[in-house]
Amino acid sequence: MLPGHPDYVFQIVIDPSCRGEILRKLHRIGINAASLFPGLEGFALSLRTKSLILSDLPKQGVEMLERV
């Protein structure tokens, strides 16, 4: 609970080491800045999050493309 706020408002503290995994899972189920904040600003924020998600993925070389 947050002091001075109603009972239905609470704060969730997330360990920084879990951030990437949580962002990926939320994005996978359609919860991102673009869906929460429609418009250009939400879209721009969602691109930033998507770039963080993509930067955590393992690098794929030409060999991976050849198999597809």
PDB file of N, CA and C in Angstrom:
ATOM      1  N   MET A   1       0.837  -1.189   0.000  1.00  0.00           N
ATOM      2  CA  MET A   1       0.000   0.000   0.000  1.00  0.00           C
ATOM      3  C   MET A   1       0.880   1.250   0.000  1.00  0.00           C
ATOM      4  N   LEU A   2       0.371   2.278  -0.604  1.00  0.00           N
ATOM      5  CA  LEU A   2       1.064   3.555  -0.584  1.00  0.00           C
ATOM      6  C   LEU A   2       0.438   4.442   0.486  1.00  0.00           C
ATOM      7  N   PRO A   3       1.239   5.019   1.353  1.00  0.00           N
ATOM      8  CA  PRO A   3       0.677   5.864   2.411  1.00  0.00           C
ATOM      9  C   PRO A   3      -0.099   7.040   1.826  1.00  0.00           C
ATOM     10  N   GLY A   4      -1.254   7.317   2.406  1.00  0.00           N
ATOM     11  CA  GLY A   4      -2.059   8.451   1.975  1.00  0.00           C
ATOM     12  C   GLY A   4      -2.895   8.199   0.744  1.00  0.00           C
ATOM     13  N   HIS A   5      -2.944   6.952   0.260  1.00  0.00           N
ATOM     14  CA  HIS A   5      -3.731   6.607  -0.919  1.00  0.00           C
ATOM     15  C   HIS A   5      -4.787   5.571  -0.548  1.00  0.00           C
ATOM     16  N   PRO A   6      -5.842   5.505  -1.346  1.00  0.00           N
ATOM     17  CA  PRO A   6      -6.882   4.497  -1.070  1.00  0.00           C
ATOM     18  C   PRO A   6      -6.322   3.075  -1.101  1.00  0.00           C
ATOM     19  N   ASP A   7      -7.108   2.145  -0.558  1.00  0.00           N
ATOM     20  CA  ASP A   7      -6.664   0.753  -0.449  1.00  0.00           C
ATOM     21  C   ASP A   7      -6.423   0.075  -1.789  1.00  0.00           C
ATOM     22  N   TYR A   8      -7.019   0.556  -2.876  1.00  0.00           N
ATOM     23  CA  TYR A   8      -6.880  -0.116  -4.163  1.00  0.00           C
ATOM     24  C   TYR A   8      -5.669   0.361  -4.959  1.00  0.00           C
ATOM     25  N   VAL A   9      -4.878   1.253  -4.395  1.00  0.00           N
ATOM     26  CA  VAL A   9      -3.650   1.700  -5.057  1.00  0.00           C
ATOM     27  C   VAL A   9      -2.463   1.098  -4.306  1.00  0.00           C
ATOM     28  N   PHE A  10      -1.599   0.395  -5.034  1.00  0.00           N
ATOM     29  CA  PHE A  10      -0.430  -0.178  -4.389  1.00  0.00           C
ATOM     30  C   PHE A  10       0.749  -0.122  -5.337  1.00  0.00           C
ATOM     31  N   GLN A  11       1.913  -0.255  -4.790  1.00  0.00           N
ATOM     32  CA  GLN A  11       3.156  -0.174  -5.549  1.00  0.00           C
ATOM     33  C   GLN A  11       3.789  -1.556  -5.627  1.00  0.00           C
ATOM     34  N   ILE A  12       4.253  -1.907  -6.816  1.00  0.00           N
ATOM     35  CA  ILE A  12       4.954  -3.168  -7.009  1.00  0.00           C
ATOM     36  C   ILE A  12       6.409  -2.829  -7.324  1.00  0.00           C
ATOM     37  N   VAL A  13       7.320  -3.342  -6.530  1.00  0.00           N
ATOM     38  CA  VAL A  13       8.748  -3.109  -6.740  1.00  0.00           C
ATOM     39  C   VAL A  13       9.309  -4.316  -7.487  1.00  0.00           C
ATOM     40  N   ILE A  14       9.917  -4.056  -8.642  1.00  0.00           N
ATOM     41  CA  ILE A  14      10.449  -5.113  -9.494  1.00  0.00           C
ATOM     42  C   ILE A  14      11.974  -5.054  -9.471  1.00  0.00           C
ATOM     43  N   ASP A  15      12.574  -6.191  -9.245  1.00  0.00           N
ATOM     44  CA  ASP A  15      14.030  -6.280  -9.246  1.00  0.00           C
ATOM     45  C   ASP A  15      14.545  -5.923 -10.647  1.00  0.00           C
ATOM     46  N   PRO A  16      15.513  -5.036 -10.751  1.00  0.00           N
ATOM     47  CA  PRO A  16      16.021  -4.630 -12.067  1.00  0.00           C
ATOM     48  C   PRO A  16      16.503  -5.788 -12.937  1.00  0.00           C
ATOM     49  N   SER A  17      16.966  -6.870 -12.331  1.00  0.00           N
ATOM     50  CA  SER A  17      17.444  -7.995 -13.130  1.00  0.00           C
ATOM     51  C   SER A  17      16.304  -8.719 -13.853  1.00  0.00           C
ATOM     52  N   CYS A  18      15.066  -8.501 -13.430  1.00  0.00           N
ATOM     53  CA  CYS A  18      13.897  -9.149 -14.045  1.00  0.00           C
ATOM     54  C   CYS A  18      13.226  -8.271 -15.096  1.00  0.00           C
ATOM     55  N   ARG A  19      13.703  -7.056 -15.259  1.00  0.00           N
ATOM     56  CA  ARG A  19      13.035  -6.074 -16.119  1.00  0.00           C
ATOM     57  C   ARG A  19      12.826  -6.571 -17.550  1.00  0.00           C
ATOM     58  N   GLY A  20      13.871  -7.075 -18.169  1.00  0.00           N
ATOM     59  CA  GLY A  20      13.772  -7.517 -19.561  1.00  0.00           C
ATOM     60  C   GLY A  20      12.752  -8.621 -19.741  1.00  0.00           C
ATOM     61  N   GLU A  21      12.775  -9.599 -18.854  1.00  0.00           N
ATOM     62  CA  GLU A  21      11.839 -10.717 -18.946  1.00  0.00           C
ATOM     63  C   GLU A  21      10.393 -10.243 -18.765  1.00  0.00           C
ATOM     64  N   ILE A  22      10.170  -9.349 -17.819  1.00  0.00           N
ATOM     65  CA  ILE A  22       8.821  -8.842 -17.584  1.00  0.00           C
ATOM     66  C   ILE A  22       8.337  -8.021 -18.771  1.00  0.00           C
ATOM     67  N   LEU A  23       9.201  -7.183 -19.332  1.00  0.00           N
ATOM     68  CA  LEU A  23       8.821  -6.397 -20.508  1.00  0.00           C
ATOM     69  C   LEU A  23       8.448  -7.301 -21.684  1.00  0.00           C
ATOM     70  N   ARG A  24       9.221  -8.367 -21.894  1.00  0.00           N
ATOM     71  CA  ARG A  24       8.912  -9.315 -22.980  1.00  0.00           C
ATOM     72  C   ARG A  24       7.565  -9.981 -22.769  1.00  0.00           C
ATOM     73  N   LYS A  25       7.302 -10.422 -21.542  1.00  0.00           N
ATOM     74  CA  LYS A  25       6.035 -11.095 -21.261  1.00  0.00           C
ATOM     75  C   LYS A  25       4.849 -10.155 -21.411  1.00  0.00           C
ATOM     76  N   LEU A  26       4.978  -8.935 -20.932  1.00  0.00           N
ATOM     77  CA  LEU A  26       3.899  -7.958 -21.091  1.00  0.00           C
ATOM     78  C   LEU A  26       3.667  -7.633 -22.564  1.00  0.00           C
ATOM     79  N   HIS A  27       4.748  -7.458 -23.309  1.00  0.00           N
ATOM     80  CA  HIS A  27       4.626  -7.157 -24.739  1.00  0.00           C
ATOM     81  C   HIS A  27       3.947  -8.310 -25.487  1.00  0.00           C
ATOM     82  N   ARG A  28       4.290  -9.542 -25.103  1.00  0.00           N
ATOM     83  CA  ARG A  28       3.726 -10.725 -25.738  1.00  0.00           C
ATOM     84  C   ARG A  28       2.207 -10.798 -25.559  1.00  0.00           C
ATOM     85  N   ILE A  29       1.686 -10.306 -24.426  1.00  0.00           N
ATOM     86  CA  ILE A  29       0.239 -10.339 -24.205  1.00  0.00           C
ATOM     87  C   ILE A  29      -0.436  -9.016 -24.564  1.00  0.00           C
ATOM     88  N   GLY A  30       0.308  -8.127 -25.204  1.00  0.00           N
ATOM     89  CA  GLY A  30      -0.286  -6.909 -25.745  1.00  0.00           C
ATOM     90  C   GLY A  30      -0.342  -5.728 -24.799  1.00  0.00           C
ATOM     91  N   ILE A  31       0.422  -5.786 -23.719  1.00  0.00           N
ATOM     92  CA  ILE A  31       0.465  -4.653 -22.794  1.00  0.00           C
ATOM     93  C   ILE A  31       1.773  -3.916 -23.021  1.00  0.00           C
ATOM     94  N   ASN A  32       1.671  -2.764 -23.640  1.00  0.00           N
ATOM     95  CA  ASN A  32       2.842  -1.934 -23.907  1.00  0.00           C
ATOM     96  C   ASN A  32       2.407  -0.476 -23.942  1.00  0.00           C
ATOM     97  N   ALA A  33       3.340   0.425 -24.120  1.00  0.00           N
ATOM     98  CA  ALA A  33       3.025   1.853 -24.100  1.00  0.00           C
ATOM     99  C   ALA A  33       2.041   2.235 -25.202  1.00  0.00           C
ATOM    100  N   ALA A  34       2.131   1.583 -26.354  1.00  0.00           N
ATOM    101  CA  ALA A  34       1.230   1.909 -27.467  1.00  0.00           C
ATOM    102  C   ALA A  34      -0.211   1.542 -27.129  1.00  0.00           C
ATOM    103  N   SER A  35      -0.422   0.444 -26.410  1.00  0.00           N
ATOM    104  CA  SER A  35      -1.784   0.053 -26.058  1.00  0.00           C
ATOM    105  C   SER A  35      -2.302   0.834 -24.851  1.00  0.00           C
ATOM    106  N   LEU A  36      -1.411   1.241 -23.949  1.00  0.00           N
ATOM    107  CA  LEU A  36      -1.828   2.003 -22.771  1.00  0.00           C
ATOM    108  C   LEU A  36      -2.018   3.483 -23.069  1.00  0.00           C
ATOM    109  N   PHE A  37      -1.219   4.029 -23.973  1.00  0.00           N
ATOM    110  CA  PHE A  37      -1.258   5.448 -24.302  1.00  0.00           C
ATOM    111  C   PHE A  37      -1.369   5.618 -25.820  1.00  0.00           C
ATOM    112  N   PRO A  38      -2.581   5.539 -26.368  1.00  0.00           N
ATOM    113  CA  PRO A  38      -2.749   5.672 -27.824  1.00  0.00           C
ATOM    114  C   PRO A  38      -2.225   7.032 -28.308  1.00  0.00           C
ATOM    115  N   GLY A  39      -1.674   7.021 -29.480  1.00  0.00           N
ATOM    116  CA  GLY A  39      -1.137   8.247 -30.053  1.00  0.00           C
ATOM    117  C   GLY A  39       0.344   8.119 -30.316  1.00  0.00           C
ATOM    118  N   LEU A  40       0.904   9.203 -30.799  1.00  0.00           N
ATOM    119  CA  LEU A  40       2.311   9.200 -31.214  1.00  0.00           C
ATOM    120  C   LEU A  40       3.268   8.970 -30.048  1.00  0.00           C
ATOM    121  N   GLU A  41       2.981   9.590 -28.908  1.00  0.00           N
ATOM    122  CA  GLU A  41       3.889   9.434 -27.769  1.00  0.00           C
ATOM    123  C   GLU A  41       3.908   7.988 -27.272  1.00  0.00           C
ATOM    124  N   GLY A  42       2.754   7.361 -27.160  1.00  0.00           N
ATOM    125  CA  GLY A  42       2.696   5.961 -26.746  1.00  0.00           C
ATOM    126  C   GLY A  42       3.401   5.054 -27.734  1.00  0.00           C
ATOM    127  N   PHE A  43       3.216   5.345 -29.031  1.00  0.00           N
ATOM    128  CA  PHE A  43       3.884   4.553 -30.070  1.00  0.00           C
ATOM    129  C   PHE A  43       5.403   4.687 -29.955  1.00  0.00           C
ATOM    130  N   ALA A  44       5.880   5.920 -29.744  1.00  0.00           N
ATOM    131  CA  ALA A  44       7.317   6.150 -29.617  1.00  0.00           C
ATOM    132  C   ALA A  44       7.881   5.432 -28.394  1.00  0.00           C
ATOM    133  N   LEU A  45       7.155   5.483 -27.282  1.00  0.00           N
ATOM    134  CA  LEU A  45       7.608   4.777 -26.082  1.00  0.00           C
ATOM    135  C   LEU A  45       7.632   3.268 -26.301  1.00  0.00           C
ATOM    136  N   SER A  46       6.661   2.750 -27.050  1.00  0.00           N
ATOM    137  CA  SER A  46       6.630   1.312 -27.309  1.00  0.00           C
ATOM    138  C   SER A  46       7.813   0.886 -28.183  1.00  0.00           C
ATOM    139  N   LEU A  47       8.238   1.750 -29.095  1.00  0.00           N
ATOM    140  CA  LEU A  47       9.417   1.437 -29.913  1.00  0.00           C
ATOM    141  C   LEU A  47      10.670   1.354 -29.048  1.00  0.00           C
ATOM    142  N   ARG A  48      10.751   2.229 -28.069  1.00  0.00           N
ATOM    143  CA  ARG A  48      11.901   2.199 -27.161  1.00  0.00           C
ATOM    144  C   ARG A  48      11.929   0.878 -26.394  1.00  0.00           C
ATOM    145  N   THR A  49      10.783   0.471 -25.889  1.00  0.00           N
ATOM    146  CA  THR A  49      10.697  -0.800 -25.157  1.00  0.00           C
ATOM    147  C   THR A  49      11.009  -1.966 -26.074  1.00  0.00           C
ATOM    148  N   LYS A  50      10.486  -1.916 -27.304  1.00  0.00           N
ATOM    149  CA  LYS A  50      10.737  -3.002 -28.249  1.00  0.00           C
ATOM    150  C   LYS A  50      12.227  -3.103 -28.572  1.00  0.00           C
ATOM    151  N   SER A  51      12.911  -1.976 -28.667  1.00  0.00           N
ATOM    152  CA  SER A  51      14.353  -2.017 -28.939  1.00  0.00           C
ATOM    153  C   SER A  51      15.105  -2.646 -27.767  1.00  0.00           C
ATOM    154  N   LEU A  52      14.646  -2.410 -26.527  1.00  0.00           N
ATOM    155  CA  LEU A  52      15.275  -3.042 -25.369  1.00  0.00           C
ATOM    156  C   LEU A  52      15.055  -4.554 -25.400  1.00  0.00           C
ATOM    157  N   ILE A  53      13.857  -4.967 -25.798  1.00  0.00           N
ATOM    158  CA  ILE A  53      13.546  -6.392 -25.888  1.00  0.00           C
ATOM    159  C   ILE A  53      14.416  -7.042 -26.952  1.00  0.00           C
ATOM    160  N   LEU A  54      14.516  -6.412 -28.116  1.00  0.00           N
ATOM    161  CA  LEU A  54      15.298  -6.983 -29.214  1.00  0.00           C
ATOM    162  C   LEU A  54      16.789  -7.022 -28.895  1.00  0.00           C
ATOM    163  N   SER A  55      17.272  -6.049 -28.142  1.00  0.00           N
ATOM    164  CA  SER A  55      18.701  -6.030 -27.819  1.00  0.00           C
ATOM    165  C   SER A  55      19.078  -7.173 -26.879  1.00  0.00           C
ATOM    166  N   ASP A  56      18.110  -7.711 -26.139  1.00  0.00           N
ATOM    167  CA  ASP A  56      18.385  -8.827 -25.235  1.00  0.00           C
ATOM    168  C   ASP A  56      18.360 -10.179 -25.937  1.00  0.00           C
ATOM    169  N   LEU A  57      17.832 -10.240 -27.149  1.00  0.00           N
ATOM    170  CA  LEU A  57      17.749 -11.508 -27.864  1.00  0.00           C
ATOM    171  C   LEU A  57      19.127 -11.937 -28.347  1.00  0.00           C
ATOM    172  N   PRO A  58      19.367 -13.230 -28.459  1.00  0.00           N
ATOM    173  CA  PRO A  58      20.658 -13.685 -28.980  1.00  0.00           C
ATOM    174  C   PRO A  58      20.823 -13.277 -30.439  1.00  0.00           C
ATOM    175  N   LYS A  59      22.044 -13.002 -30.806  1.00  0.00           N
ATOM    176  CA  LYS A  59      22.332 -12.601 -32.191  1.00  0.00           C
ATOM    177  C   LYS A  59      22.124 -13.782 -33.125  1.00  0.00           C
ATOM    178  N   GLN A  60      21.496 -13.516 -34.262  1.00  0.00           N
ATOM    179  CA  GLN A  60      21.258 -14.565 -35.249  1.00  0.00           C
ATOM    180  C   GLN A  60      22.062 -14.239 -36.500  1.00  0.00           C
ATOM    181  N   GLY A  61      22.787 -15.210 -36.951  1.00  0.00           N
ATOM    182  CA  GLY A  61      23.626 -15.007 -38.117  1.00  0.00           C
ATOM    183  C   GLY A  61      22.936 -15.408 -39.399  1.00  0.00           C
ATOM    184  N   VAL A  62      23.668 -15.385 -40.474  1.00  0.00           N
ATOM    185  CA  VAL A  62      23.163 -15.747 -41.791  1.00  0.00           C
ATOM    186  C   VAL A  62      22.713 -17.200 -41.806  1.00  0.00           C
ATOM    187  N   GLU A  63      23.368 -18.042 -41.024  1.00  0.00           N
ATOM    188  CA  GLU A  63      23.006 -19.460 -40.976  1.00  0.00           C
ATOM    189  C   GLU A  63      21.543 -19.636 -40.575  1.00  0.00           C
ATOM    190  N   MET A  64      21.077 -18.809 -39.654  1.00  0.00           N
ATOM    191  CA  MET A  64      19.696 -18.898 -39.218  1.00  0.00           C
ATOM    192  C   MET A  64      18.751 -18.553 -40.353  1.00  0.00           C
ATOM    193  N   LEU A  65      19.098 -17.551 -41.155  1.00  0.00           N
ATOM    194  CA  LEU A  65      18.257 -17.168 -42.289  1.00  0.00           C
ATOM    195  C   LEU A  65      18.208 -18.251 -43.353  1.00  0.00           C
ATOM    196  N   GLU A  66      19.322 -18.945 -43.528  1.00  0.00           N
ATOM    197  CA  GLU A  66      19.386 -19.987 -44.555  1.00  0.00           C
ATOM    198  C   GLU A  66      18.476 -21.165 -44.196  1.00  0.00           C
ATOM    199  N   ARG A  67      18.291 -21.430 -42.903  1.00  0.00           N
ATOM    200  CA  ARG A  67      17.419 -22.531 -42.486  1.00  0.00           C
ATOM    201  C   ARG A  67      15.954 -22.222 -42.680  1.00  0.00           C
ATOM    202  N   VAL A  68      15.597 -20.960 -42.738  1.00  0.00           N
ATOM    203  CA  VAL A  68      14.186 -20.554 -42.860  1.00  0.00           C
ATOM    204  C   VAL A  68      13.769 -20.608 -44.270  1.00  0.00           C
TER     205      VAL A  68
END
